[in-house]
């Protein structure tokens, strides 16, 4: 069976959650007695992911000690950030330090719950053949997120920073061509934001596509949404 690898960005501090989640990285926030990250791994395992790379930074040992080298039959490898690199820096660092059989074709935010059908997402991404294809969630009511400017063919032309209703938002899951993306990121600094610094440039260059799916979405980055996690997660 061909291996399907997902890189989960799990290095965040969880600053906005400090009042309700203390002394652990944000992906380790408790949901029904287990870390959010455990639920996330199980979902993507159910979607065919066979191994996971966890990009860890803040309080990395709490993640490594919990999951170890394997978790419920899936292999896990860790890439450490010695200092905060931002989402883009973490992706660049991981791609530069993984062997060929561990290069991910999927990247997932470690603080976002989203339920795409991964095989359908990957099939769409292959038809677009862009270095990055991001998952897009339609949001009828939206007061938190900027929007993705998407045309009818699934090409992303740019982003709008201001929240607005009836928006398509970045759902925090990406299908990538790892070697192509690694080459593209070589010119970026060690620390940068994938969302703010890289994706708009890819859109401008016609190298970014978007897969729209109206699946369950939850960002646990703020206390009000974290409080919903117990009723949303599987």
Protein backbone atom coordinates (compact mmCIF):
# COMPACT_ATOMS: atom_id res chain seq x y z
CA UNK A 1 0.00 0.00 0.00
CA UNK A 2 1.33 3.42 -0.93
CA UNK A 3 2.16 5.52 2.10
CA UNK A 4 0.20 8.71 2.65
CA UNK A 5 1.97 11.14 4.96
CA UNK A 6 0.44 14.15 6.72
CA UNK A 7 2.44 16.94 8.33
CA UNK A 8 0.60 18.40 11.33
CA UNK A 9 1.70 21.85 12.50
CA UNK A 10 1.66 21.41 16.27
CA UNK A 11 4.15 24.00 17.51
CA UNK A 12 1.77 26.78 18.56
CA UNK A 13 1.70 28.50 21.95
CA UNK A 14 -2.07 28.81 22.27
CA UNK A 15 -1.78 32.32 23.74
CA UNK A 16 -5.51 33.06 23.47
CA UNK A 17 -6.37 29.79 25.24
CA UNK A 18 -4.16 30.37 28.28
CA UNK A 19 -7.15 31.18 30.47
CA UNK A 20 -8.69 27.74 29.92
CA UNK A 21 -5.81 25.54 28.74
CA UNK A 22 -2.66 25.85 30.84
CA UNK A 23 0.87 24.44 30.52
CA UNK A 24 0.38 22.45 27.31
CA UNK A 25 0.69 23.30 23.61
CA UNK A 26 -2.60 24.22 21.96
CA UNK A 27 -2.96 20.88 20.07
CA UNK A 28 -2.76 19.08 23.44
CA UNK A 29 -5.85 20.88 24.77
CA UNK A 30 -8.16 18.34 26.38
CA UNK A 31 -11.30 17.32 24.48
CA UNK A 32 -13.38 14.60 26.15
CA UNK A 33 -10.41 13.32 28.13
CA UNK A 34 -7.90 13.20 25.27
CA UNK A 35 -5.74 15.74 23.46
CA UNK A 36 -7.29 17.52 20.49
CA UNK A 37 -4.34 16.20 18.49
CA UNK A 38 -5.33 12.58 19.20
CA UNK A 39 -8.77 13.18 17.71
CA UNK A 40 -7.17 14.88 14.71
CA UNK A 41 -4.78 11.99 14.05
CA UNK A 42 -7.62 9.48 14.27
CA UNK A 43 -9.74 11.39 11.78
CA UNK A 44 -6.97 11.59 9.18
CA UNK A 45 -6.02 7.97 9.80
CA UNK A 46 -9.64 7.08 8.99
CA UNK A 47 -9.16 9.01 5.74
CA UNK A 48 -6.20 6.88 4.67
CA UNK A 49 -3.21 8.68 6.18
CA UNK A 50 -0.66 6.01 7.12
CA UNK A 51 2.05 8.07 8.83
CA UNK A 52 2.30 11.47 10.49
CA UNK A 53 5.01 14.07 10.90
CA UNK A 54 4.40 16.34 13.87
CA UNK A 55 6.10 19.73 13.74
CA UNK A 56 6.63 20.56 17.41
CA UNK A 57 8.03 23.53 19.29
CA UNK A 58 6.46 24.93 22.46
CA UNK A 59 6.54 22.25 25.19
CA UNK A 60 7.39 19.64 22.57
CA UNK A 61 8.05 16.93 25.17
CA UNK A 62 4.40 16.84 26.20
CA UNK A 63 3.48 15.83 22.65
CA UNK A 64 6.39 13.43 22.14
CA UNK A 65 5.84 11.69 25.48
CA UNK A 66 2.14 11.21 24.78
CA UNK A 67 2.29 9.88 21.22
CA UNK A 68 5.76 8.30 21.01
CA UNK A 69 6.96 6.69 17.78
CA UNK A 70 3.53 5.29 16.94
CA UNK A 71 -0.06 5.92 17.95
CA UNK A 72 -2.81 3.40 17.36
CA UNK A 73 -0.86 1.65 14.59
CA UNK A 74 0.32 4.75 12.69
CA UNK A 75 3.99 5.72 12.65
CA UNK A 76 4.94 9.17 13.90
CA UNK A 77 8.06 11.24 13.32
CA UNK A 78 8.85 14.59 14.93
CA UNK A 79 10.48 17.70 13.53
CA UNK A 80 11.49 20.13 16.25
CA UNK A 81 11.53 23.91 16.05
CA UNK A 82 14.30 25.19 18.32
CA UNK A 83 12.68 28.62 18.08
CA UNK A 84 9.28 29.74 16.73
CA UNK A 85 9.40 29.66 12.92
CA UNK A 86 5.85 30.60 12.00
CA UNK A 87 3.70 28.27 9.91
CA UNK A 88 5.75 28.81 6.76
CA UNK A 89 9.06 28.37 8.53
CA UNK A 90 7.80 25.17 10.14
CA UNK A 91 6.77 23.76 6.76
CA UNK A 92 10.09 24.75 5.16
CA UNK A 93 12.06 23.27 8.08
CA UNK A 94 10.12 19.99 7.91
CA UNK A 95 10.47 19.58 4.15
CA UNK A 96 14.21 20.21 4.42
CA UNK A 97 14.71 17.58 7.13
CA UNK A 98 12.54 14.67 6.00
CA UNK A 99 13.70 11.71 3.94
CA UNK A 100 11.90 10.95 0.68
CA UNK A 101 9.64 8.25 2.18
CA UNK A 102 8.40 10.71 4.83
CA UNK A 103 7.70 13.72 2.61
CA UNK A 104 4.09 14.77 3.21
CA UNK A 105 1.46 15.27 0.55
CA UNK A 106 -0.94 16.68 3.15
CA UNK A 107 -0.43 19.53 5.64
CA UNK A 108 -2.89 20.07 8.49
CA UNK A 109 -3.11 22.85 11.08
CA UNK A 110 -2.82 21.31 14.54
CA UNK A 111 -5.48 23.60 16.04
CA UNK A 112 -8.14 23.21 13.35
CA UNK A 113 -10.77 20.51 12.99
CA UNK A 114 -11.89 19.96 9.42
CA UNK A 115 -13.40 16.90 7.78
CA UNK A 116 -12.56 16.74 4.09
CA UNK A 117 -12.76 13.51 2.17
CA UNK A 118 -9.02 13.19 1.65
CA UNK A 119 -9.17 10.96 -1.42
CA UNK A 120 -11.54 13.38 -3.18
CA UNK A 121 -9.40 16.33 -2.10
CA UNK A 122 -6.25 14.65 -3.43
CA UNK A 123 -7.95 13.72 -6.71
CA UNK A 124 -9.03 17.33 -7.25
CA UNK A 125 -5.54 18.58 -6.39
CA UNK A 126 -4.06 16.26 -9.03
CA UNK A 127 -6.32 17.75 -11.69
CA UNK A 128 -5.19 21.29 -10.77
CA UNK A 129 -1.49 20.33 -10.59
CA UNK A 130 -0.53 23.35 -8.46
CA UNK A 131 2.20 23.23 -5.79
CA UNK A 132 -0.47 23.87 -3.14
CA UNK A 133 -4.20 23.17 -3.17
CA UNK A 134 -5.93 24.45 -0.07
CA UNK A 135 -9.21 23.32 1.43
CA UNK A 136 -11.92 25.97 1.28
CA UNK A 137 -14.90 26.11 3.63
CA UNK A 138 -18.00 28.19 2.73
CA UNK A 139 -19.02 30.35 5.72
CA UNK A 140 -22.48 31.98 5.49
CA UNK A 141 -21.86 33.78 8.81
CA UNK A 142 -18.28 34.90 9.33
CA UNK A 143 -16.90 37.48 11.72
CA UNK A 144 -13.40 36.03 12.28
CA UNK A 145 -11.75 35.06 9.04
CA UNK A 146 -10.54 36.63 5.84
CA UNK A 147 -11.74 35.14 2.58
CA UNK A 148 -10.31 33.22 -0.34
CA UNK A 149 -10.98 34.71 -3.78
CA UNK A 150 -11.81 31.64 -5.82
CA UNK A 151 -13.00 31.38 -9.40
CA UNK A 152 -15.42 28.80 -10.80
CA UNK A 153 -12.57 26.53 -11.96
CA UNK A 154 -10.98 26.26 -8.53
CA UNK A 155 -8.18 28.76 -9.10
CA UNK A 156 -7.34 31.10 -6.21
CA UNK A 157 -6.66 34.63 -7.37
CA UNK A 158 -6.02 36.26 -4.00
CA UNK A 159 -7.27 36.87 -0.48
CA UNK A 160 -9.32 39.48 1.33
CA UNK A 161 -8.25 40.21 4.91
CA UNK A 162 -11.50 41.69 6.23
CA UNK A 163 -14.14 39.26 7.52
CA UNK A 164 -17.40 39.18 5.62
CA UNK A 165 -20.45 36.96 5.52
CA UNK A 166 -20.94 34.48 2.69
CA UNK A 167 -17.19 34.02 2.47
CA UNK A 168 -14.99 31.13 1.42
CA UNK A 169 -12.30 30.69 4.07
CA UNK A 170 -9.03 28.79 4.28
CA UNK A 171 -9.90 25.66 6.28
CA UNK A 172 -6.30 24.89 7.24
CA UNK A 173 -5.69 21.69 5.29
CA UNK A 174 -3.47 21.57 2.19
CA UNK A 175 -2.61 19.05 -0.52
CA UNK A 176 0.93 19.79 -1.68
CA UNK A 177 3.55 18.70 -4.16
CA UNK A 178 6.32 18.44 -1.55
CA UNK A 179 9.39 18.65 -3.78
CA UNK A 180 7.98 21.54 -5.80
CA UNK A 181 6.98 23.40 -2.64
CA UNK A 182 10.37 22.73 -1.05
CA UNK A 183 12.05 24.38 -4.02
CA UNK A 184 9.69 27.35 -3.90
CA UNK A 185 10.27 27.88 -0.19
CA UNK A 186 14.06 27.85 -0.53
CA UNK A 187 14.04 31.61 -1.22
CA UNK A 188 11.97 32.39 1.91
CA UNK A 189 13.52 33.28 5.28
CA UNK A 190 13.69 30.73 8.07
CA UNK A 191 10.75 32.37 9.88
CA UNK A 192 7.59 33.42 8.05
CA UNK A 193 3.83 32.92 7.81
CA UNK A 194 2.62 30.45 5.21
CA UNK A 195 -0.79 32.13 5.12
CA UNK A 196 0.35 35.77 4.95
CA UNK A 197 3.69 35.63 3.17
CA UNK A 198 3.54 32.61 0.88
CA UNK A 199 -0.03 31.85 -0.21
CA UNK A 200 -0.76 35.33 -1.66
CA UNK A 201 2.40 35.09 -3.79
CA UNK A 202 1.42 31.65 -5.03
CA UNK A 203 -2.04 32.99 -5.92
CA UNK A 204 -0.53 35.92 -7.80
CA UNK A 205 1.67 33.52 -9.76
CA UNK A 206 -1.24 31.22 -10.65
CA UNK A 207 0.20 28.43 -8.50
CA UNK A 208 -2.60 28.06 -5.96
CA UNK A 209 -5.90 26.21 -6.22
CA UNK A 210 -8.77 25.61 -3.82
CA UNK A 211 -11.00 22.64 -3.09
CA UNK A 212 -14.40 23.70 -1.77
CA UNK A 213 -16.08 21.36 0.68
CA UNK A 214 -18.82 22.25 3.14
CA UNK A 215 -17.47 19.95 5.85
CA UNK A 216 -17.44 20.35 9.63
CA UNK A 217 -14.94 23.06 10.62
CA UNK A 218 -13.75 24.26 14.03
CA UNK A 219 -10.77 26.41 15.00
CA UNK A 220 -10.00 25.86 18.70
CA UNK A 221 -7.78 28.95 18.91
CA UNK A 222 -10.21 30.96 21.04
CA UNK A 223 -12.05 29.84 24.20
CA UNK A 224 -15.57 30.11 22.76
CA UNK A 225 -14.79 27.76 19.89
CA UNK A 226 -12.67 25.44 22.04
CA UNK A 227 -15.75 25.06 24.26
CA UNK A 228 -17.64 23.65 21.25
CA UNK A 229 -15.04 20.97 20.55
CA UNK A 230 -16.50 18.29 22.81
CA UNK A 231 -19.79 18.29 20.89
CA UNK A 232 -18.20 18.56 17.42
CA UNK A 233 -15.30 16.11 17.46
CA UNK A 234 -15.80 12.42 16.83
